[in-house]
Amino acid sequence: MAEKDFKDYLNKVNQFRINKETTIQEIINNFANTGFNAKRLAKACKIYESMVNNKDCVKFFGLAGAMVPAGMQGIIYDFIKDGFIDVLVTTGANLTHDIAESLGYHHLQGDIDIHKIDDSVLYQEKINRIYDVFLPNSVYEGLEDFISTLEIPDNFMPVSKFLKFLGEQLPEKSKSILKIASKRNIPIFCPAFTDSGLALQLGFHNRELNLNHFKDMLELIDISWEAKSSGVCIVGGGTPKNFIFQSQQFCPNSAKYAIQITMDRPEPGGLSGASLKEAMSWGKIHEKAEYSTIISDATIILPLIYWYLKSIIN
């Protein structure tokens, strides 16, 4: 049989339409036959669906960027609650903001025209800016009050164990990522934990605290090594991406499924923009893996992926 010509793989672009009854499943299915990032999103949704339906698959989720300040706390909470994440690797900043929201403090939205904002005035008013999201200094004062009351049982425990302990201290009804992860026994790893306001305040109030990062590194490698099948979803890249992928690199079963949501480019050589195909050269992703990179803002893409999964997974 003759090899297929590349033209045999070409199909008509779907010029789809939407009406009042259109569902998220129909939108994603229509996206699958379009082009650009709509098609990549559809592929990512199908890959995540396969990850969830594969009962042997350990689902690693890397979360970088200011996702909680932008309003994604509830989405990540639901990803964990519904069983779509088995291992979370994130930044200390996201955890800091997660605790703030859980204690009843709030991030504030502002004018989308940031050119009208005088940051020197914000400084005088003791308000911090994250693009068009704002956070008063008083939030950090409330966070410090919470931190100062903690009775830490072990100054040398792994960071992941400390984060589980921290989640247990948060209000029962909060929509906290730390809280739901502690309840569901989902490990949270934070390889750059000291690079956060949370860690700063912990250090100020607990001078003997010396959390063990090496035990976390080895534990994640053990989880990866023992997994019959692995899938990864990377939001934003950074340290969480590398921490997950380095654990995959030295395991007999590298990732079978891979999704990346990023706005970064690969040309400068930085990790956040590095392609998933490049990761194959390191053995971090299996050469026959299903993968999709979506070049888009994660605050748009994450709710859509969750919405699709929620609508189709029983």
C-alpha atoms as a PDB file:
ATOM      1  CA  MET A   1       0.000   0.000   0.000  1.00  0.00           C
ATOM      2  CA  ALA A   2       1.394   3.405  -0.949  1.00  0.00           C
ATOM      3  CA  GLU A   3       2.153   5.942   1.762  1.00  0.00           C
ATOM      4  CA  LYS A   4      -0.441   8.633   2.235  1.00  0.00           C
ATOM      5  CA  ASP A   5       0.276  11.969   0.621  1.00  0.00           C
ATOM      6  CA  PHE A   6       0.068  14.937   2.983  1.00  0.00           C
ATOM      7  CA  LYS A   7      -3.018  16.080   1.088  1.00  0.00           C
ATOM      8  CA  ASP A   8      -4.822  12.967   2.298  1.00  0.00           C
ATOM      9  CA  TYR A   9      -4.725  14.415   5.833  1.00  0.00           C
ATOM     10  CA  LEU A  10      -6.392  17.681   4.836  1.00  0.00           C
ATOM     11  CA  ASN A  11     -10.063  18.330   5.573  1.00  0.00           C
ATOM     12  CA  LYS A  12     -12.395  21.266   5.160  1.00  0.00           C
ATOM     13  CA  VAL A  13     -12.275  23.888   7.915  1.00  0.00           C
ATOM     14  CA  ASN A  14     -15.492  23.824   9.914  1.00  0.00           C
ATOM     15  CA  GLN A  15     -17.280  27.177   9.576  1.00  0.00           C
ATOM     16  CA  PHE A  16     -19.390  26.563  12.659  1.00  0.00           C
ATOM     17  CA  ARG A  17     -22.176  28.621  14.201  1.00  0.00           C
ATOM     18  CA  ILE A  18     -23.567  29.052  17.706  1.00  0.00           C
ATOM     19  CA  ASN A  19     -27.151  29.381  18.873  1.00  0.00           C
ATOM     20  CA  LYS A  20     -28.900  29.641  22.246  1.00  0.00           C
ATOM     21  CA  GLU A  21     -28.913  25.874  22.716  1.00  0.00           C
ATOM     22  CA  THR A  22     -25.232  25.302  21.884  1.00  0.00           C
ATOM     23  CA  THR A  23     -23.408  23.390  24.637  1.00  0.00           C
ATOM     24  CA  ILE A  24     -19.750  23.511  25.655  1.00  0.00           C
ATOM     25  CA  GLN A  25     -19.347  20.000  24.232  1.00  0.00           C
ATOM     26  CA  GLU A  26     -20.627  21.180  20.856  1.00  0.00           C
ATOM     27  CA  ILE A  27     -18.324  24.208  20.926  1.00  0.00           C
ATOM     28  CA  ILE A  28     -15.240  22.097  21.671  1.00  0.00           C
ATOM     29  CA  ASN A  29     -16.243  19.476  19.074  1.00  0.00           C
ATOM     30  CA  ASN A  30     -16.628  22.259  16.518  1.00  0.00           C
ATOM     31  CA  PHE A  31     -13.261  23.728  17.501  1.00  0.00           C
ATOM     32  CA  ALA A  32     -11.640  20.386  16.686  1.00  0.00           C
ATOM     33  CA  ASN A  33     -12.182  21.038  12.973  1.00  0.00           C
ATOM     34  CA  THR A  34     -11.122  24.676  12.890  1.00  0.00           C
ATOM     35  CA  GLY A  35      -7.623  26.130  13.068  1.00  0.00           C
ATOM     36  CA  PHE A  36      -5.140  27.948  15.300  1.00  0.00           C
ATOM     37  CA  ASN A  37      -5.646  27.915  19.080  1.00  0.00           C
ATOM     38  CA  ALA A  38      -9.308  26.905  18.884  1.00  0.00           C
ATOM     39  CA  LYS A  39      -8.164  23.582  17.430  1.00  0.00           C
ATOM     40  CA  ARG A  40      -5.387  23.290  20.030  1.00  0.00           C
ATOM     41  CA  LEU A  41      -7.903  23.910  22.822  1.00  0.00           C
ATOM     42  CA  ALA A  42     -10.186  21.183  21.473  1.00  0.00           C
ATOM     43  CA  LYS A  43      -7.266  18.768  21.347  1.00  0.00           C
ATOM     44  CA  ALA A  44      -6.259  19.695  24.902  1.00  0.00           C
ATOM     45  CA  CYS A  45      -9.811  19.064  26.145  1.00  0.00           C
ATOM     46  CA  LYS A  46      -9.846  15.623  24.525  1.00  0.00           C
ATOM     47  CA  ILE A  47      -6.408  14.826  25.975  1.00  0.00           C
ATOM     48  CA  TYR A  48      -7.528  15.843  29.469  1.00  0.00           C
ATOM     49  CA  GLU A  49     -10.657  13.736  29.014  1.00  0.00           C
ATOM     50  CA  SER A  50      -8.434  10.751  28.178  1.00  0.00           C
ATOM     51  CA  MET A  51      -6.318  11.439  31.263  1.00  0.00           C
ATOM     52  CA  VAL A  52      -9.379  11.426  33.503  1.00  0.00           C
ATOM     53  CA  ASN A  53     -10.868   8.318  31.910  1.00  0.00           C
ATOM     54  CA  ASN A  54      -7.586   6.404  32.217  1.00  0.00           C
ATOM     55  CA  LYS A  55      -7.849   5.087  35.780  1.00  0.00           C
ATOM     56  CA  ASP A  56      -4.125   4.261  35.814  1.00  0.00           C
ATOM     57  CA  CYS A  57      -3.130   7.815  34.877  1.00  0.00           C
ATOM     58  CA  VAL A  58      -1.625  10.079  37.531  1.00  0.00           C
ATOM     59  CA  LYS A  59      -2.607  13.641  36.619  1.00  0.00           C
ATOM     60  CA  PHE A  60       0.143  16.185  37.396  1.00  0.00           C
ATOM     61  CA  PHE A  61      -0.912  19.843  37.318  1.00  0.00           C
ATOM     62  CA  GLY A  62       1.601  22.702  37.249  1.00  0.00           C
ATOM     63  CA  LEU A  63       0.247  26.127  38.174  1.00  0.00           C
ATOM     64  CA  ALA A  64       2.361  29.253  37.744  1.00  0.00           C
ATOM     65  CA  GLY A  65       1.340  32.872  37.251  1.00  0.00           C
ATOM     66  CA  ALA A  66      -1.029  35.023  39.297  1.00  0.00           C
ATOM     67  CA  MET A  67      -3.980  32.694  38.870  1.00  0.00           C
ATOM     68  CA  VAL A  68      -5.650  33.194  42.259  1.00  0.00           C
ATOM     69  CA  PRO A  69      -5.513  37.011  42.134  1.00  0.00           C
ATOM     70  CA  ALA A  70      -7.133  36.892  38.688  1.00  0.00           C
ATOM     71  CA  GLY A  71     -10.089  34.845  39.973  1.00  0.00           C
ATOM     72  CA  MET A  72      -9.063  31.245  39.237  1.00  0.00           C
ATOM     73  CA  GLN A  73      -9.136  29.994  42.856  1.00  0.00           C
ATOM     74  CA  GLY A  74     -12.592  28.441  42.478  1.00  0.00           C
ATOM     75  CA  ILE A  75     -11.696  26.799  39.156  1.00  0.00           C
ATOM     76  CA  ILE A  76      -8.607  25.086  40.615  1.00  0.00           C
ATOM     77  CA  TYR A  77     -10.623  24.168  43.709  1.00  0.00           C
ATOM     78  CA  ASP A  78     -13.159  22.414  41.465  1.00  0.00           C
ATOM     79  CA  PHE A  79     -10.465  20.700  39.389  1.00  0.00           C
ATOM     80  CA  ILE A  80      -9.275  19.092  42.640  1.00  0.00           C
ATOM     81  CA  LYS A  81     -12.760  18.468  44.070  1.00  0.00           C
ATOM     82  CA  ASP A  82     -13.882  16.639  40.929  1.00  0.00           C
ATOM     83  CA  GLY A  83     -10.795  14.429  40.744  1.00  0.00           C
ATOM     84  CA  PHE A  84      -9.159  16.114  37.753  1.00  0.00           C
ATOM     85  CA  ILE A  85      -5.847  16.676  39.618  1.00  0.00           C
ATOM     86  CA  ASP A  86      -3.830  14.027  41.491  1.00  0.00           C
ATOM     87  CA  VAL A  87      -0.680  16.076  42.150  1.00  0.00           C
ATOM     88  CA  LEU A  88      -0.485  19.884  42.229  1.00  0.00           C
ATOM     89  CA  VAL A  89       2.787  21.779  41.826  1.00  0.00           C
ATOM     90  CA  THR A  90       2.449  25.534  42.227  1.00  0.00           C
ATOM     91  CA  THR A  91       4.110  28.744  43.357  1.00  0.00           C
ATOM     92  CA  GLY A  92       4.252  30.223  46.835  1.00  0.00           C
ATOM     93  CA  ALA A  93       2.516  33.305  45.476  1.00  0.00           C
ATOM     94  CA  ASN A  94      -0.610  31.382  44.455  1.00  0.00           C
ATOM     95  CA  LEU A  95      -0.712  29.769  47.898  1.00  0.00           C
ATOM     96  CA  THR A  96      -0.270  33.142  49.598  1.00  0.00           C
ATOM     97  CA  HIS A  97      -3.244  34.569  47.713  1.00  0.00           C
ATOM     98  CA  ASP A  98      -5.256  31.389  48.275  1.00  0.00           C
ATOM     99  CA  ILE A  99      -4.894  31.781  52.042  1.00  0.00           C
ATOM    100  CA  ALA A 100      -5.784  35.482  51.864  1.00  0.00           C
ATOM    101  CA  GLU A 101      -9.055  34.742  50.051  1.00  0.00           C
ATOM    102  CA  SER A 102      -9.779  31.859  52.423  1.00  0.00           C
ATOM    103  CA  LEU A 103      -9.450  34.128  55.454  1.00  0.00           C
ATOM    104  CA  GLY A 104     -12.089  36.482  54.054  1.00  0.00           C
ATOM    105  CA  TYR A 105      -9.836  39.036  52.363  1.00  0.00           C
ATOM    106  CA  HIS A 106     -10.320  39.883  48.725  1.00  0.00           C
ATOM    107  CA  HIS A 107      -8.445  40.875  45.615  1.00  0.00           C
ATOM    108  CA  LEU A 108     -10.006  43.912  43.965  1.00  0.00           C
ATOM    109  CA  GLN A 109     -10.604  44.531  40.272  1.00  0.00           C
ATOM    110  CA  GLY A 110      -9.951  47.925  38.780  1.00  0.00           C
ATOM    111  CA  ASP A 111      -9.968  49.961  35.586  1.00  0.00           C
ATOM    112  CA  ILE A 112      -8.842  47.907  32.613  1.00  0.00           C
ATOM    113  CA  ASP A 113      -7.087  51.011  31.242  1.00  0.00           C
ATOM    114  CA  ILE A 114      -4.002  50.701  33.415  1.00  0.00           C
ATOM    115  CA  HIS A 115      -2.426  53.746  31.760  1.00  0.00           C
ATOM    116  CA  LYS A 116      -4.762  55.904  33.863  1.00  0.00           C
ATOM    117  CA  ILE A 117      -3.301  54.493  37.077  1.00  0.00           C
ATOM    118  CA  ASP A 118      -0.589  56.332  38.998  1.00  0.00           C
ATOM    119  CA  ASP A 119       1.413  53.645  40.768  1.00  0.00           C
ATOM    120  CA  SER A 120       3.164  56.168  42.995  1.00  0.00           C
ATOM    121  CA  VAL A 121      -0.279  57.111  44.371  1.00  0.00           C
ATOM    122  CA  LEU A 122      -1.078  53.436  44.905  1.00  0.00           C
ATOM    123  CA  TYR A 123       2.114  53.142  46.940  1.00  0.00           C
ATOM    124  CA  GLN A 124       1.112  56.091  49.115  1.00  0.00           C
ATOM    125  CA  GLU A 125      -2.340  54.535  49.584  1.00  0.00           C
ATOM    126  CA  LYS A 126      -0.742  51.172  50.522  1.00  0.00           C
ATOM    127  CA  ILE A 127      -2.309  49.328  47.622  1.00  0.00           C
ATOM    128  CA  ASN A 128      -0.374  46.787  45.547  1.00  0.00           C
ATOM    129  CA  ARG A 129      -1.121  46.246  41.839  1.00  0.00           C
ATOM    130  CA  ILE A 130      -1.023  43.016  39.804  1.00  0.00           C
ATOM    131  CA  TYR A 131      -1.819  44.409  36.337  1.00  0.00           C
ATOM    132  CA  ASP A 132      -5.527  45.339  36.754  1.00  0.00           C
ATOM    133  CA  VAL A 133      -6.006  43.541  40.098  1.00  0.00           C
ATOM    134  CA  PHE A 134      -5.325  45.318  43.399  1.00  0.00           C
ATOM    135  CA  LEU A 135      -4.465  44.134  46.889  1.00  0.00           C
ATOM    136  CA  PRO A 136      -4.331  46.405  49.958  1.00  0.00           C
ATOM    137  CA  ASN A 137      -1.415  46.011  52.367  1.00  0.00           C
ATOM    138  CA  SER A 138      -3.981  45.274  55.075  1.00  0.00           C
ATOM    139  CA  VAL A 139      -4.470  41.838  53.495  1.00  0.00           C
ATOM    140  CA  TYR A 140      -0.871  40.955  54.303  1.00  0.00           C
ATOM    141  CA  GLU A 141      -1.378  42.230  57.823  1.00  0.00           C
ATOM    142  CA  GLY A 142      -4.322  39.858  58.230  1.00  0.00           C
ATOM    143  CA  LEU A 143      -2.258  37.040  56.755  1.00  0.00           C
ATOM    144  CA  GLU A 144       0.479  37.771  59.279  1.00  0.00           C
ATOM    145  CA  ASP A 145      -2.024  37.594  62.142  1.00  0.00           C
ATOM    146  CA  PHE A 146      -3.006  34.114  60.942  1.00  0.00           C
ATOM    147  CA  ILE A 147       0.607  32.969  60.513  1.00  0.00           C
ATOM    148  CA  SER A 148       1.633  34.210  63.955  1.00  0.00           C
ATOM    149  CA  THR A 149      -0.919  31.940  65.674  1.00  0.00           C
ATOM    150  CA  LEU A 150       0.191  28.686  63.984  1.00  0.00           C
ATOM    151  CA  GLU A 151       1.596  25.964  66.199  1.00  0.00           C
ATOM    152  CA  ILE A 152       3.846  24.146  63.742  1.00  0.00           C
ATOM    153  CA  PRO A 153       4.334  20.513  64.843  1.00  0.00           C
ATOM    154  CA  ASP A 154       7.628  19.860  63.020  1.00  0.00           C
ATOM    155  CA  ASN A 155      10.124  22.490  61.869  1.00  0.00           C
ATOM    156  CA  PHE A 156      11.837  20.033  59.505  1.00  0.00           C
ATOM    157  CA  MET A 157       8.898  18.416  57.703  1.00  0.00           C
ATOM    158  CA  PRO A 158       8.755  18.453  53.883  1.00  0.00           C
ATOM    159  CA  VAL A 159       7.100  21.500  52.344  1.00  0.00           C
ATOM    160  CA  SER A 160       4.240  19.342  51.013  1.00  0.00           C
ATOM    161  CA  LYS A 161       3.476  18.040  54.511  1.00  0.00           C
ATOM    162  CA  PHE A 162       3.546  21.569  55.885  1.00  0.00           C
ATOM    163  CA  LEU A 163       1.107  22.693  53.167  1.00  0.00           C
ATOM    164  CA  LYS A 164      -1.254  19.878  54.127  1.00  0.00           C
ATOM    165  CA  PHE A 165      -1.021  21.047  57.750  1.00  0.00           C
ATOM    166  CA  LEU A 166      -1.676  24.619  56.613  1.00  0.00           C
ATOM    167  CA  GLY A 167      -4.758  23.570  54.666  1.00  0.00           C
ATOM    168  CA  GLU A 168      -6.152  21.881  57.762  1.00  0.00           C
ATOM    169  CA  GLN A 169      -5.957  25.193  59.658  1.00  0.00           C
ATOM    170  CA  LEU A 170      -8.066  27.136  57.158  1.00  0.00           C
ATOM    171  CA  PRO A 171     -11.812  27.737  57.619  1.00  0.00           C
ATOM    172  CA  GLU A 172     -13.893  24.649  56.888  1.00  0.00           C
ATOM    173  CA  LYS A 173     -16.232  26.297  54.401  1.00  0.00           C
ATOM    174  CA  SER A 174     -13.603  28.198  52.438  1.00  0.00           C
ATOM    175  CA  LYS A 175     -13.074  27.471  48.737  1.00  0.00           C
ATOM    176  CA  SER A 176      -9.371  27.169  49.399  1.00  0.00           C
ATOM    177  CA  ILE A 177      -7.065  25.170  47.146  1.00  0.00           C
ATOM    178  CA  LEU A 178      -5.007  24.221  50.213  1.00  0.00           C
ATOM    179  CA  LYS A 179      -8.146  23.174  52.104  1.00  0.00           C
ATOM    180  CA  ILE A 180      -9.661  20.932  49.443  1.00  0.00           C
ATOM    181  CA  ALA A 181      -6.258  19.365  48.704  1.00  0.00           C
ATOM    182  CA  SER A 182      -5.776  18.515  52.389  1.00  0.00           C
ATOM    183  CA  LYS A 183      -9.280  17.017  52.542  1.00  0.00           C
ATOM    184  CA  ARG A 184      -8.775  14.927  49.391  1.00  0.00           C
ATOM    185  CA  ASN A 185      -5.211  13.987  50.326  1.00  0.00           C
ATOM    186  CA  ILE A 186      -3.896  15.580  47.130  1.00  0.00           C
ATOM    187  CA  PRO A 187      -0.237  16.532  47.610  1.00  0.00           C
ATOM    188  CA  ILE A 188       0.770  20.110  46.857  1.00  0.00           C
ATOM    189  CA  PHE A 189       4.417  20.680  46.021  1.00  0.00           C
ATOM    190  CA  CYS A 190       5.949  24.145  46.031  1.00  0.00           C
ATOM    191  CA  PRO A 191       9.618  23.889  44.988  1.00  0.00           C
ATOM    192  CA  ALA A 192      10.233  27.655  45.277  1.00  0.00           C
ATOM    193  CA  PHE A 193       8.235  28.108  48.463  1.00  0.00           C
ATOM    194  CA  THR A 194      10.582  30.689  50.014  1.00  0.00           C
ATOM    195  CA  ASP A 195       9.937  32.946  47.005  1.00  0.00           C
ATOM    196  CA  SER A 196       6.635  34.193  48.444  1.00  0.00           C
ATOM    197  CA  GLY A 197       5.050  36.544  50.959  1.00  0.00           C
ATOM    198  CA  LEU A 198       3.726  33.543  52.860  1.00  0.00           C
ATOM    199  CA  ALA A 199       7.204  32.130  53.381  1.00  0.00           C
ATOM    200  CA  LEU A 200       8.595  35.526  54.371  1.00  0.00           C
ATOM    201  CA  GLN A 201       6.078  35.877  57.170  1.00  0.00           C
ATOM    202  CA  LEU A 202       6.574  32.275  58.264  1.00  0.00           C
ATOM    203  CA  GLY A 203      10.308  32.901  58.483  1.00  0.00           C
ATOM    204  CA  PHE A 204       9.863  36.095  60.478  1.00  0.00           C
ATOM    205  CA  HIS A 205       7.659  34.374  63.061  1.00  0.00           C
ATOM    206  CA  ASN A 206       9.343  30.954  63.103  1.00  0.00           C
ATOM    207  CA  ARG A 207      13.105  31.401  63.101  1.00  0.00           C
ATOM    208  CA  GLU A 208      13.710  27.690  63.632  1.00  0.00           C
ATOM    209  CA  LEU A 209      11.616  26.645  60.638  1.00  0.00           C
ATOM    210  CA  ASN A 210      13.675  24.714  58.065  1.00  0.00           C
ATOM    211  CA  LEU A 211      11.298  22.838  55.774  1.00  0.00           C
ATOM    212  CA  ASN A 212      12.807  19.985  53.787  1.00  0.00           C
ATOM    213  CA  HIS A 213      12.764  20.560  50.023  1.00  0.00           C
ATOM    214  CA  PHE A 214      14.826  17.491  49.152  1.00  0.00           C
ATOM    215  CA  LYS A 215      12.238  15.083  50.572  1.00  0.00           C
ATOM    216  CA  ASP A 216       9.631  16.685  48.326  1.00  0.00           C
ATOM    217  CA  MET A 217      11.858  16.278  45.281  1.00  0.00           C
ATOM    218  CA  LEU A 218      12.366  12.588  46.024  1.00  0.00           C
ATOM    219  CA  GLU A 219       8.688  12.038  46.833  1.00  0.00           C
ATOM    220  CA  LEU A 220       7.580  13.480  43.494  1.00  0.00           C
ATOM    221  CA  ILE A 221      10.085  11.267  41.702  1.00  0.00           C
ATOM    222  CA  ASP A 222       8.684   8.261  43.600  1.00  0.00           C
ATOM    223  CA  ILE A 223       5.131   9.170  42.575  1.00  0.00           C
ATOM    224  CA  SER A 224       6.235   9.529  38.961  1.00  0.00           C
ATOM    225  CA  TRP A 225       8.256   6.312  39.055  1.00  0.00           C
ATOM    226  CA  GLU A 226       5.371   4.254  40.447  1.00  0.00           C
ATOM    227  CA  ALA A 227       2.744   5.659  38.076  1.00  0.00           C
ATOM    228  CA  LYS A 228       1.559   3.163  35.476  1.00  0.00           C
ATOM    229  CA  SER A 229       0.627   6.123  33.286  1.00  0.00           C
ATOM    230  CA  SER A 230       1.252   9.862  33.608  1.00  0.00           C
ATOM    231  CA  GLY A 231      -0.374  12.996  32.259  1.00  0.00           C
ATOM    232  CA  VAL A 232       0.645  16.609  32.776  1.00  0.00           C
ATOM    233  CA  CYS A 233      -1.165  19.927  32.447  1.00  0.00           C
ATOM    234  CA  ILE A 234       1.177  22.904  32.666  1.00  0.00           C
ATOM    235  CA  VAL A 235      -0.185  26.402  33.241  1.00  0.00           C
ATOM    236  CA  GLY A 236       2.336  29.140  32.597  1.00  0.00           C
ATOM    237  CA  GLY A 237       5.549  27.135  32.926  1.00  0.00           C
ATOM    238  CA  GLY A 238       8.163  28.341  35.395  1.00  0.00           C
ATOM    239  CA  THR A 239       9.410  26.310  38.349  1.00  0.00           C
ATOM    240  CA  PRO A 240       6.279  24.116  38.591  1.00  0.00           C
ATOM    241  CA  LYS A 241       6.800  22.963  34.986  1.00  0.00           C
ATOM    242  CA  ASN A 242      10.419  22.005  35.547  1.00  0.00           C
ATOM    243  CA  PHE A 243       9.713  20.321  38.891  1.00  0.00           C
ATOM    244  CA  ILE A 244       7.136  18.043  37.259  1.00  0.00           C
ATOM    245  CA  PHE A 245       9.152  17.335  34.141  1.00  0.00           C
ATOM    246  CA  GLN A 246      12.399  16.550  35.947  1.00  0.00           C
ATOM    247  CA  SER A 247      10.543  13.852  37.859  1.00  0.00           C
ATOM    248  CA  GLN A 248       9.267  12.429  34.570  1.00  0.00           C
ATOM    249  CA  GLN A 249      12.698  12.517  32.987  1.00  0.00           C
ATOM    250  CA  PHE A 250      14.188   9.752  35.118  1.00  0.00           C
ATOM    251  CA  CYS A 251      11.192   7.419  35.187  1.00  0.00           C
ATOM    252  CA  PRO A 252      10.469   4.316  33.080  1.00  0.00           C
ATOM    253  CA  ASN A 253       7.093   5.744  32.025  1.00  0.00           C
ATOM    254  CA  SER A 254       7.405   9.330  30.805  1.00  0.00           C
ATOM    255  CA  ALA A 255       4.232  11.368  30.314  1.00  0.00           C
ATOM    256  CA  LYS A 256       1.715   9.803  27.949  1.00  0.00           C
ATOM    257  CA  TYR A 257      -0.449  12.934  27.859  1.00  0.00           C
ATOM    258  CA  ALA A 258       0.693  16.569  27.945  1.00  0.00           C
ATOM    259  CA  ILE A 259      -1.057  19.943  27.843  1.00  0.00           C
ATOM    260  CA  GLN A 260       0.590  23.345  28.093  1.00  0.00           C
ATOM    261  CA  ILE A 261      -1.066  26.767  28.337  1.00  0.00           C
ATOM    262  CA  THR A 262       1.392  29.609  27.865  1.00  0.00           C
ATOM    263  CA  MET A 263       1.890  33.043  26.324  1.00  0.00           C
ATOM    264  CA  ASP A 264       5.683  32.638  26.093  1.00  0.00           C
ATOM    265  CA  ARG A 265       7.719  31.974  22.975  1.00  0.00           C
ATOM    266  CA  PRO A 266      10.302  29.197  22.508  1.00  0.00           C
ATOM    267  CA  GLU A 267      12.936  31.264  20.676  1.00  0.00           C
ATOM    268  CA  PRO A 268      14.647  32.796  23.766  1.00  0.00           C
ATOM    269  CA  GLY A 269      15.252  29.294  25.152  1.00  0.00           C
ATOM    270  CA  GLY A 270      13.299  29.837  28.364  1.00  0.00           C
ATOM    271  CA  LEU A 271      11.469  26.933  29.953  1.00  0.00           C
ATOM    272  CA  SER A 272       8.025  28.558  30.038  1.00  0.00           C
ATOM    273  CA  GLY A 273       7.984  28.886  26.255  1.00  0.00           C
ATOM    274  CA  ALA A 274       9.732  25.591  25.501  1.00  0.00           C
ATOM    275  CA  SER A 275       7.630  23.314  23.328  1.00  0.00           C
ATOM    276  CA  LEU A 276       6.302  19.994  24.537  1.00  0.00           C
ATOM    277  CA  LYS A 277       7.954  18.387  21.523  1.00  0.00           C
ATOM    278  CA  GLU A 278      11.301  19.652  22.846  1.00  0.00           C
ATOM    279  CA  ALA A 279      10.563  17.877  26.131  1.00  0.00           C
ATOM    280  CA  MET A 280      10.561  14.590  24.210  1.00  0.00           C
ATOM    281  CA  SER A 281      14.292  15.003  23.576  1.00  0.00           C
ATOM    282  CA  TRP A 282      14.823  14.910  27.352  1.00  0.00           C
ATOM    283  CA  GLY A 283      12.602  11.895  27.895  1.00  0.00           C
ATOM    284  CA  LYS A 284      10.106  13.966  29.883  1.00  0.00           C
ATOM    285  CA  ILE A 285       7.291  13.207  27.456  1.00  0.00           C
ATOM    286  CA  HIS A 286       6.907   9.901  25.670  1.00  0.00           C
ATOM    287  CA  GLU A 287       7.724   9.980  21.971  1.00  0.00           C
ATOM    288  CA  LYS A 288       4.208   8.768  21.173  1.00  0.00           C
ATOM    289  CA  ALA A 289       2.460  11.039  23.662  1.00  0.00           C
ATOM    290  CA  GLU A 290      -0.703  12.954  22.876  1.00  0.00           C
ATOM    291  CA  TYR A 291       0.104  16.630  23.410  1.00  0.00           C
ATOM    292  CA  SER A 292      -1.200  20.120  22.757  1.00  0.00           C
ATOM    293  CA  THR A 293       0.162  23.590  23.485  1.00  0.00           C
ATOM    294  CA  ILE A 294      -2.323  26.445  23.639  1.00  0.00           C
ATOM    295  CA  ILE A 295      -0.865  29.917  23.146  1.00  0.00           C
ATOM    296  CA  SER A 296      -3.360  31.874  25.193  1.00  0.00           C
ATOM    297  CA  ASP A 297      -4.177  33.479  28.522  1.00  0.00           C
ATOM    298  CA  ALA A 298      -4.814  30.733  31.084  1.00  0.00           C
ATOM    299  CA  THR A 299      -7.581  32.778  32.727  1.00  0.00           C
ATOM    300  CA  ILE A 300      -9.596  32.190  29.548  1.00  0.00           C
ATOM    301  CA  ILE A 301      -8.571  28.603  28.828  1.00  0.00           C
ATOM    302  CA  LEU A 302      -8.763  26.973  32.280  1.00  0.00           C
ATOM    303  CA  PRO A 303     -12.487  27.640  32.839  1.00  0.00           C
ATOM    304  CA  LEU A 304     -13.252  26.301  29.349  1.00  0.00           C
ATOM    305  CA  ILE A 305     -11.314  23.077  29.928  1.00  0.00           C
ATOM    306  CA  TYR A 306     -13.004  22.594  33.302  1.00  0.00           C
ATOM    307  CA  TRP A 307     -16.430  23.359  31.825  1.00  0.00           C
ATOM    308  CA  TYR A 308     -15.874  20.752  29.117  1.00  0.00           C
ATOM    309  CA  LEU A 309     -14.649  18.104  31.577  1.00  0.00           C
ATOM    310  CA  LYS A 310     -17.503  18.821  33.981  1.00  0.00           C
ATOM    311  CA  SER A 311     -20.045  18.412  31.186  1.00  0.00           C
ATOM    312  CA  ILE A 312     -18.697  15.106  29.888  1.00  0.00           C
ATOM    313  CA  ILE A 313     -17.180  13.214  32.839  1.00  0.00           C
ATOM    314  CA  ASN A 314     -19.616  11.358  35.090  1.00  0.00           C
END
